[in-house]
C-alpha atoms as a PDB file:
ATOM      1  CA  MET A   1      40.685 -14.859   9.144  1.00  0.00           C
ATOM      2  CA  ASN A   2      42.862 -14.673  12.164  1.00  0.00           C
ATOM      3  CA  LYS A   3      45.607 -17.064  13.543  1.00  0.00           C
ATOM      4  CA  ASP A   4      43.204 -18.621  16.039  1.00  0.00           C
ATOM      5  CA  ARG A   5      40.859 -19.810  13.426  1.00  0.00           C
ATOM      6  CA  VAL A   6      43.593 -21.277  11.195  1.00  0.00           C
ATOM      7  CA  VAL A   7      45.417 -22.971  14.004  1.00  0.00           C
ATOM      8  CA  GLY A   8      42.071 -24.503  15.378  1.00  0.00           C
ATOM      9  CA  SER A   9      40.994 -25.454  11.982  1.00  0.00           C
ATOM     10  CA  LEU A  10      44.169 -27.402  11.702  1.00  0.00           C
ATOM     11  CA  LYS A  11      43.894 -29.082  14.932  1.00  0.00           C
ATOM     12  CA  GLN A  12      40.400 -30.131  14.238  1.00  0.00           C
ATOM     13  CA  VAL A  13      41.582 -31.812  10.881  1.00  0.00           C
ATOM     14  CA  LYS A  14      44.361 -33.435  12.988  1.00  0.00           C
ATOM     15  CA  GLY A  15      42.171 -34.625  15.462  1.00  0.00           C
ATOM     16  CA  THR A  16      39.772 -36.155  12.879  1.00  0.00           C
ATOM     17  CA  VAL A  17      42.770 -38.034  11.296  1.00  0.00           C
ATOM     18  CA  GLU A  18      43.961 -39.209  14.731  1.00  0.00           C
ATOM     19  CA  GLU A  19      40.801 -40.435  15.922  1.00  0.00           C
ATOM     20  CA  THR A  20      39.865 -42.220  12.453  1.00  0.00           C
ATOM     21  CA  ALA A  21      43.393 -43.888  12.745  1.00  0.00           C
ATOM     22  CA  GLY A  22      42.565 -44.898  16.251  1.00  0.00           C
ATOM     23  CA  LYS A  23      39.221 -46.488  15.242  1.00  0.00           C
ATOM     24  CA  LEU A  24      40.868 -48.477  12.374  1.00  0.00           C
ATOM     25  CA  LEU A  25      43.816 -49.564  14.516  1.00  0.00           C
ATOM     26  CA  GLY A  26      41.735 -50.359  17.586  1.00  0.00           C
ATOM     27  CA  ASP A  27      43.961 -47.918  19.417  1.00  0.00           C
ATOM     28  CA  ALA A  28      41.744 -46.246  22.308  1.00  0.00           C
ATOM     29  CA  LYS A  29      44.459 -43.973  23.490  1.00  0.00           C
ATOM     30  CA  LEU A  30      44.823 -42.439  19.674  1.00  0.00           C
ATOM     31  CA  GLN A  31      41.094 -42.182  19.309  1.00  0.00           C
ATOM     32  CA  ILE A  32      40.904 -40.345  22.772  1.00  0.00           C
ATOM     33  CA  ALA A  33      43.870 -37.965  21.693  1.00  0.00           C
ATOM     34  CA  GLY A  34      41.992 -37.417  18.456  1.00  0.00           C
ATOM     35  CA  LYS A  35      38.796 -36.395  20.199  1.00  0.00           C
ATOM     36  CA  ALA A  36      40.729 -34.123  22.432  1.00  0.00           C
ATOM     37  CA  ASP A  37      42.296 -32.278  19.645  1.00  0.00           C
ATOM     38  CA  LYS A  38      39.176 -32.044  17.863  1.00  0.00           C
ATOM     39  CA  ALA A  39      37.666 -30.403  20.971  1.00  0.00           C
ATOM     40  CA  GLU A  40      40.782 -28.065  21.431  1.00  0.00           C
ATOM     41  CA  GLY A  41      40.701 -27.025  17.785  1.00  0.00           C
ATOM     42  CA  LYS A  42      36.910 -26.387  18.098  1.00  0.00           C
ATOM     43  CA  THR A  43      37.400 -24.060  20.971  1.00  0.00           C
ATOM     44  CA  GLN A  44      40.250 -22.142  19.569  1.00  0.00           C
ATOM     45  CA  ASN A  45      38.365 -21.589  16.272  1.00  0.00           C
ATOM     46  CA  ILE A  46      35.434 -20.211  18.333  1.00  0.00           C
ATOM     47  CA  ILE A  47      37.877 -17.915  20.306  1.00  0.00           C
ATOM     48  CA  GLY A  48      39.162 -16.653  16.774  1.00  0.00           C
ATOM     49  CA  THR A  49      35.730 -16.169  15.663  1.00  0.00           C
ATOM     50  CA  ILE A  50      34.685 -14.253  18.685  1.00  0.00           C
ATOM     51  CA  THR A  51      37.978 -12.222  18.476  1.00  0.00           C
ATOM     52  CA  GLU A  52      37.382 -11.215  14.716  1.00  0.00           C
ATOM     53  CA  THR A  53      33.639 -10.345  15.599  1.00  0.00           C
ATOM     54  CA  LEU A  54      34.701  -7.875  18.327  1.00  0.00           C
ATOM     55  CA  LYS A  55      37.422  -6.289  16.298  1.00  0.00           C
ATOM     56  CA  SER A  56      34.727  -5.502  13.497  1.00  0.00           C
END
């Protein structure tokens, strides 16, 4: 597992926490920030997977 996959996974978790907190608190900005972090993390995770595949 490379750095991009690890960091991407962490961003996805952070985004999920932010999105959930935003829903619970009724904070739309926090909810949107969480969704953005999740999307960024997913993209970074995919890039890491592609990089690993190409190196194999």
